[in-house]
């Protein structure tokens, strides 16, 4: 999966998620969870658009 270097909005969202998970590890998504899969699908769709 590649992200365009100029896609600041998406990079900021991912950076925010990373910070959020560091502060709230109970919300960290397991790789096989439905929420994780939905997040990945959403990110891939945003990259395509």
PDB file of N, CA and C in Angstrom:
ATOM      1  N   UNK A   1       0.841  -1.186   0.000  1.00  0.00           N
ATOM      2  CA  UNK A   1       0.000   0.000   0.000  1.00  0.00           C
ATOM      3  C   UNK A   1       0.879   1.240   0.000  1.00  0.00           C
ATOM      4  N   UNK A   2       0.651   2.120  -0.961  1.00  0.00           N
ATOM      5  CA  UNK A   2       1.451   3.338  -1.022  1.00  0.00           C
ATOM      6  C   UNK A   2       0.558   4.557  -0.833  1.00  0.00           C
ATOM      7  N   UNK A   3       1.089   5.558  -0.202  1.00  0.00           N
ATOM      8  CA  UNK A   3       0.379   6.813   0.022  1.00  0.00           C
ATOM      9  C   UNK A   3       1.167   7.915  -0.677  1.00  0.00           C
ATOM     10  N   UNK A   4       0.456   8.735  -1.424  1.00  0.00           N
ATOM     11  CA  UNK A   4       1.120   9.853  -2.091  1.00  0.00           C
ATOM     12  C   UNK A   4       1.722  10.779  -1.042  1.00  0.00           C
ATOM     13  N   UNK A   5       2.961  11.190  -1.261  1.00  0.00           N
ATOM     14  CA  UNK A   5       3.651  12.037  -0.281  1.00  0.00           C
ATOM     15  C   UNK A   5       2.958  13.384  -0.090  1.00  0.00           C
ATOM     16  N   UNK A   6       2.219  13.827  -1.108  1.00  0.00           N
ATOM     17  CA  UNK A   6       1.560  15.131  -1.000  1.00  0.00           C
ATOM     18  C   UNK A   6       0.162  15.037  -0.383  1.00  0.00           C
ATOM     19  N   UNK A   7      -0.265  13.833   0.013  1.00  0.00           N
ATOM     20  CA  UNK A   7      -1.591  13.674   0.619  1.00  0.00           C
ATOM     21  C   UNK A   7      -1.490  13.971   2.117  1.00  0.00           C
ATOM     22  N   UNK A   8      -1.367  15.266   2.442  1.00  0.00           N
ATOM     23  CA  UNK A   8      -1.153  15.691   3.832  1.00  0.00           C
ATOM     24  C   UNK A   8      -2.314  15.288   4.732  1.00  0.00           C
ATOM     25  N   UNK A   9      -3.553  15.407   4.224  1.00  0.00           N
ATOM     26  CA  UNK A   9      -4.731  15.112   5.046  1.00  0.00           C
ATOM     27  C   UNK A   9      -4.711  13.669   5.540  1.00  0.00           C
ATOM     28  N   UNK A  10      -4.445  12.732   4.633  1.00  0.00           N
ATOM     29  CA  UNK A  10      -4.426  11.317   5.004  1.00  0.00           C
ATOM     30  C   UNK A  10      -3.271  11.019   5.958  1.00  0.00           C
ATOM     31  N   UNK A  11      -2.116  11.602   5.681  1.00  0.00           N
ATOM     32  CA  UNK A  11      -0.949  11.395   6.543  1.00  0.00           C
ATOM     33  C   UNK A  11      -1.236  11.936   7.944  1.00  0.00           C
ATOM     34  N   UNK A  12      -1.901  13.095   8.018  1.00  0.00           N
ATOM     35  CA  UNK A  12      -2.262  13.675   9.319  1.00  0.00           C
ATOM     36  C   UNK A  12      -3.224  12.764  10.070  1.00  0.00           C
ATOM     37  N   UNK A  13      -4.203  12.183   9.362  1.00  0.00           N
ATOM     38  CA  UNK A  13      -5.160  11.262   9.992  1.00  0.00           C
ATOM     39  C   UNK A  13      -4.441  10.048  10.568  1.00  0.00           C
ATOM     40  N   UNK A  14      -3.527   9.493   9.803  1.00  0.00           N
ATOM     41  CA  UNK A  14      -2.784   8.318  10.263  1.00  0.00           C
ATOM     42  C   UNK A  14      -1.907   8.672  11.461  1.00  0.00           C
ATOM     43  N   UNK A  15      -1.291   9.844  11.429  1.00  0.00           N
ATOM     44  CA  UNK A  15      -0.450  10.292  12.541  1.00  0.00           C
ATOM     45  C   UNK A  15      -1.301  10.489  13.793  1.00  0.00           C
ATOM     46  N   UNK A  16      -2.488  11.053  13.614  1.00  0.00           N
ATOM     47  CA  UNK A  16      -3.406  11.257  14.736  1.00  0.00           C
ATOM     48  C   UNK A  16      -3.801   9.907  15.337  1.00  0.00           C
ATOM     49  N   UNK A  17      -4.134   8.940  14.487  1.00  0.00           N
ATOM     50  CA  UNK A  17      -4.503   7.597  14.955  1.00  0.00           C
ATOM     51  C   UNK A  17      -3.375   6.976  15.774  1.00  0.00           C
ATOM     52  N   UNK A  18      -2.167   7.130  15.300  1.00  0.00           N
ATOM     53  CA  UNK A  18      -1.006   6.574  15.994  1.00  0.00           C
ATOM     54  C   UNK A  18      -0.887   7.175  17.399  1.00  0.00           C
ATOM     55  N   UNK A  19      -1.021   8.504  17.488  1.00  0.00           N
ATOM     56  CA  UNK A  19      -0.956   9.184  18.789  1.00  0.00           C
ATOM     57  C   UNK A  19      -2.095   8.720  19.692  1.00  0.00           C
ATOM     58  N   UNK A  20      -3.287   8.612  19.104  1.00  0.00           N
ATOM     59  CA  UNK A  20      -4.468   8.192  19.866  1.00  0.00           C
ATOM     60  C   UNK A  20      -4.255   6.801  20.465  1.00  0.00           C
ATOM     61  N   UNK A  21      -3.736   5.876  19.652  1.00  0.00           N
ATOM     62  CA  UNK A  21      -3.520   4.510  20.126  1.00  0.00           C
ATOM     63  C   UNK A  21      -2.445   4.442  21.206  1.00  0.00           C
ATOM     64  N   UNK A  22      -1.454   5.328  21.122  1.00  0.00           N
ATOM     65  CA  UNK A  22      -0.421   5.362  22.171  1.00  0.00           C
ATOM     66  C   UNK A  22      -1.034   5.775  23.501  1.00  0.00           C
ATOM     67  N   UNK A  23      -1.965   6.723  23.462  1.00  0.00           N
ATOM     68  CA  UNK A  23      -2.615   7.198  24.683  1.00  0.00           C
ATOM     69  C   UNK A  23      -3.701   6.255  25.173  1.00  0.00           C
ATOM     70  N   UNK A  24      -4.354   5.554  24.239  1.00  0.00           N
ATOM     71  CA  UNK A  24      -5.490   4.693  24.590  1.00  0.00           C
ATOM     72  C   UNK A  24      -5.297   3.292  24.009  1.00  0.00           C
ATOM     73  N   UNK A  25      -4.382   2.505  24.584  1.00  0.00           N
ATOM     74  CA  UNK A  25      -4.089   1.184  24.002  1.00  0.00           C
ATOM     75  C   UNK A  25      -5.301   0.248  23.994  1.00  0.00           C
ATOM     76  N   UNK A  26      -6.308   0.518  24.831  1.00  0.00           N
ATOM     77  CA  UNK A  26      -7.482  -0.363  24.839  1.00  0.00           C
ATOM     78  C   UNK A  26      -8.274  -0.265  23.531  1.00  0.00           C
ATOM     79  N   UNK A  27      -8.054   0.798  22.760  1.00  0.00           N
ATOM     80  CA  UNK A  27      -8.758   0.950  21.479  1.00  0.00           C
ATOM     81  C   UNK A  27      -7.964   0.405  20.301  1.00  0.00           C
ATOM     82  N   UNK A  28      -6.744  -0.076  20.575  1.00  0.00           N
ATOM     83  CA  UNK A  28      -5.920  -0.626  19.503  1.00  0.00           C
ATOM     84  C   UNK A  28      -6.682  -1.782  18.846  1.00  0.00           C
ATOM     85  N   UNK A  29      -6.677  -1.799  17.536  1.00  0.00           N
ATOM     86  CA  UNK A  29      -7.453  -2.801  16.808  1.00  0.00           C
ATOM     87  C   UNK A  29      -6.632  -4.064  16.559  1.00  0.00           C
ATOM     88  N   UNK A  30      -7.269  -5.200  16.811  1.00  0.00           N
ATOM     89  CA  UNK A  30      -6.618  -6.466  16.468  1.00  0.00           C
ATOM     90  C   UNK A  30      -6.711  -6.664  14.955  1.00  0.00           C
ATOM     91  N   UNK A  31      -5.678  -7.251  14.377  1.00  0.00           N
ATOM     92  CA  UNK A  31      -5.599  -7.370  12.914  1.00  0.00           C
ATOM     93  C   UNK A  31      -6.756  -8.175  12.318  1.00  0.00           C
ATOM     94  N   UNK A  32      -7.337  -9.086  13.095  1.00  0.00           N
ATOM     95  CA  UNK A  32      -8.419  -9.897  12.541  1.00  0.00           C
ATOM     96  C   UNK A  32      -9.793  -9.327  12.880  1.00  0.00           C
ATOM     97  N   UNK A  33      -9.836  -8.157  13.533  1.00  0.00           N
ATOM     98  CA  UNK A  33     -11.129  -7.593  13.922  1.00  0.00           C
ATOM     99  C   UNK A  33     -11.808  -6.923  12.723  1.00  0.00           C
ATOM    100  N   UNK A  34     -13.137  -6.853  12.804  1.00  0.00           N
ATOM    101  CA  UNK A  34     -13.924  -6.245  11.736  1.00  0.00           C
ATOM    102  C   UNK A  34     -13.588  -4.753  11.595  1.00  0.00           C
ATOM    103  N   UNK A  35     -13.403  -4.077  12.718  1.00  0.00           N
ATOM    104  CA  UNK A  35     -13.097  -2.641  12.691  1.00  0.00           C
ATOM    105  C   UNK A  35     -11.779  -2.379  11.963  1.00  0.00           C
ATOM    106  N   UNK A  36     -10.788  -3.253  12.201  1.00  0.00           N
ATOM    107  CA  UNK A  36      -9.488  -3.104  11.541  1.00  0.00           C
ATOM    108  C   UNK A  36      -9.648  -3.260  10.035  1.00  0.00           C
ATOM    109  N   UNK A  37     -10.376  -4.299   9.624  1.00  0.00           N
ATOM    110  CA  UNK A  37     -10.580  -4.527   8.186  1.00  0.00           C
ATOM    111  C   UNK A  37     -11.313  -3.354   7.543  1.00  0.00           C
ATOM    112  N   UNK A  38     -12.324  -2.826   8.230  1.00  0.00           N
ATOM    113  CA  UNK A  38     -13.071  -1.678   7.701  1.00  0.00           C
ATOM    114  C   UNK A  38     -12.172  -0.456   7.565  1.00  0.00           C
ATOM    115  N   UNK A  39     -11.293  -0.257   8.543  1.00  0.00           N
ATOM    116  CA  UNK A  39     -10.372   0.877   8.493  1.00  0.00           C
ATOM    117  C   UNK A  39      -9.445   0.761   7.288  1.00  0.00           C
ATOM    118  N   UNK A  40      -8.894  -0.430   7.065  1.00  0.00           N
ATOM    119  CA  UNK A  40      -7.989  -0.649   5.933  1.00  0.00           C
ATOM    120  C   UNK A  40      -8.721  -0.412   4.611  1.00  0.00           C
ATOM    121  N   UNK A  41      -9.955  -0.912   4.508  1.00  0.00           N
ATOM    122  CA  UNK A  41     -10.748  -0.712   3.282  1.00  0.00           C
ATOM    123  C   UNK A  41     -10.970   0.785   3.044  1.00  0.00           C
ATOM    124  N   UNK A  42     -11.307   1.513   4.113  1.00  0.00           N
ATOM    125  CA  UNK A  42     -11.539   2.959   4.001  1.00  0.00           C
ATOM    126  C   UNK A  42     -10.282   3.682   3.534  1.00  0.00           C
ATOM    127  N   UNK A  43      -9.144   3.320   4.127  1.00  0.00           N
ATOM    128  CA  UNK A  43      -7.885   3.960   3.744  1.00  0.00           C
ATOM    129  C   UNK A  43      -7.562   3.678   2.280  1.00  0.00           C
ATOM    130  N   UNK A  44      -7.741   2.430   1.851  1.00  0.00           N
ATOM    131  CA  UNK A  44      -7.449   2.082   0.453  1.00  0.00           C
ATOM    132  C   UNK A  44      -8.353   2.853  -0.506  1.00  0.00           C
ATOM    133  N   UNK A  45      -9.630   3.021  -0.142  1.00  0.00           N
ATOM    134  CA  UNK A  45     -10.562   3.769  -0.987  1.00  0.00           C
ATOM    135  C   UNK A  45     -10.144   5.233  -1.071  1.00  0.00           C
ATOM    136  N   UNK A  46      -9.716   5.813   0.055  1.00  0.00           N
ATOM    137  CA  UNK A  46      -9.281   7.218   0.050  1.00  0.00           C
ATOM    138  C   UNK A  46      -8.058   7.409  -0.827  1.00  0.00           C
ATOM    139  N   UNK A  47      -7.166   6.430  -0.827  1.00  0.00           N
ATOM    140  CA  UNK A  47      -5.948   6.533  -1.633  1.00  0.00           C
ATOM    141  C   UNK A  47      -6.295   6.482  -3.125  1.00  0.00           C
ATOM    142  N   UNK A  48      -7.263   5.639  -3.499  1.00  0.00           N
ATOM    143  CA  UNK A  48      -7.645   5.509  -4.911  1.00  0.00           C
ATOM    144  C   UNK A  48      -8.274   6.779  -5.448  1.00  0.00           C
ATOM    145  N   UNK A  49      -9.070   7.466  -4.622  1.00  0.00           N
ATOM    146  CA  UNK A  49      -9.799   8.660  -5.089  1.00  0.00           C
ATOM    147  C   UNK A  49      -8.883   9.828  -5.405  1.00  0.00           C
TER     148      UNK A  49
END
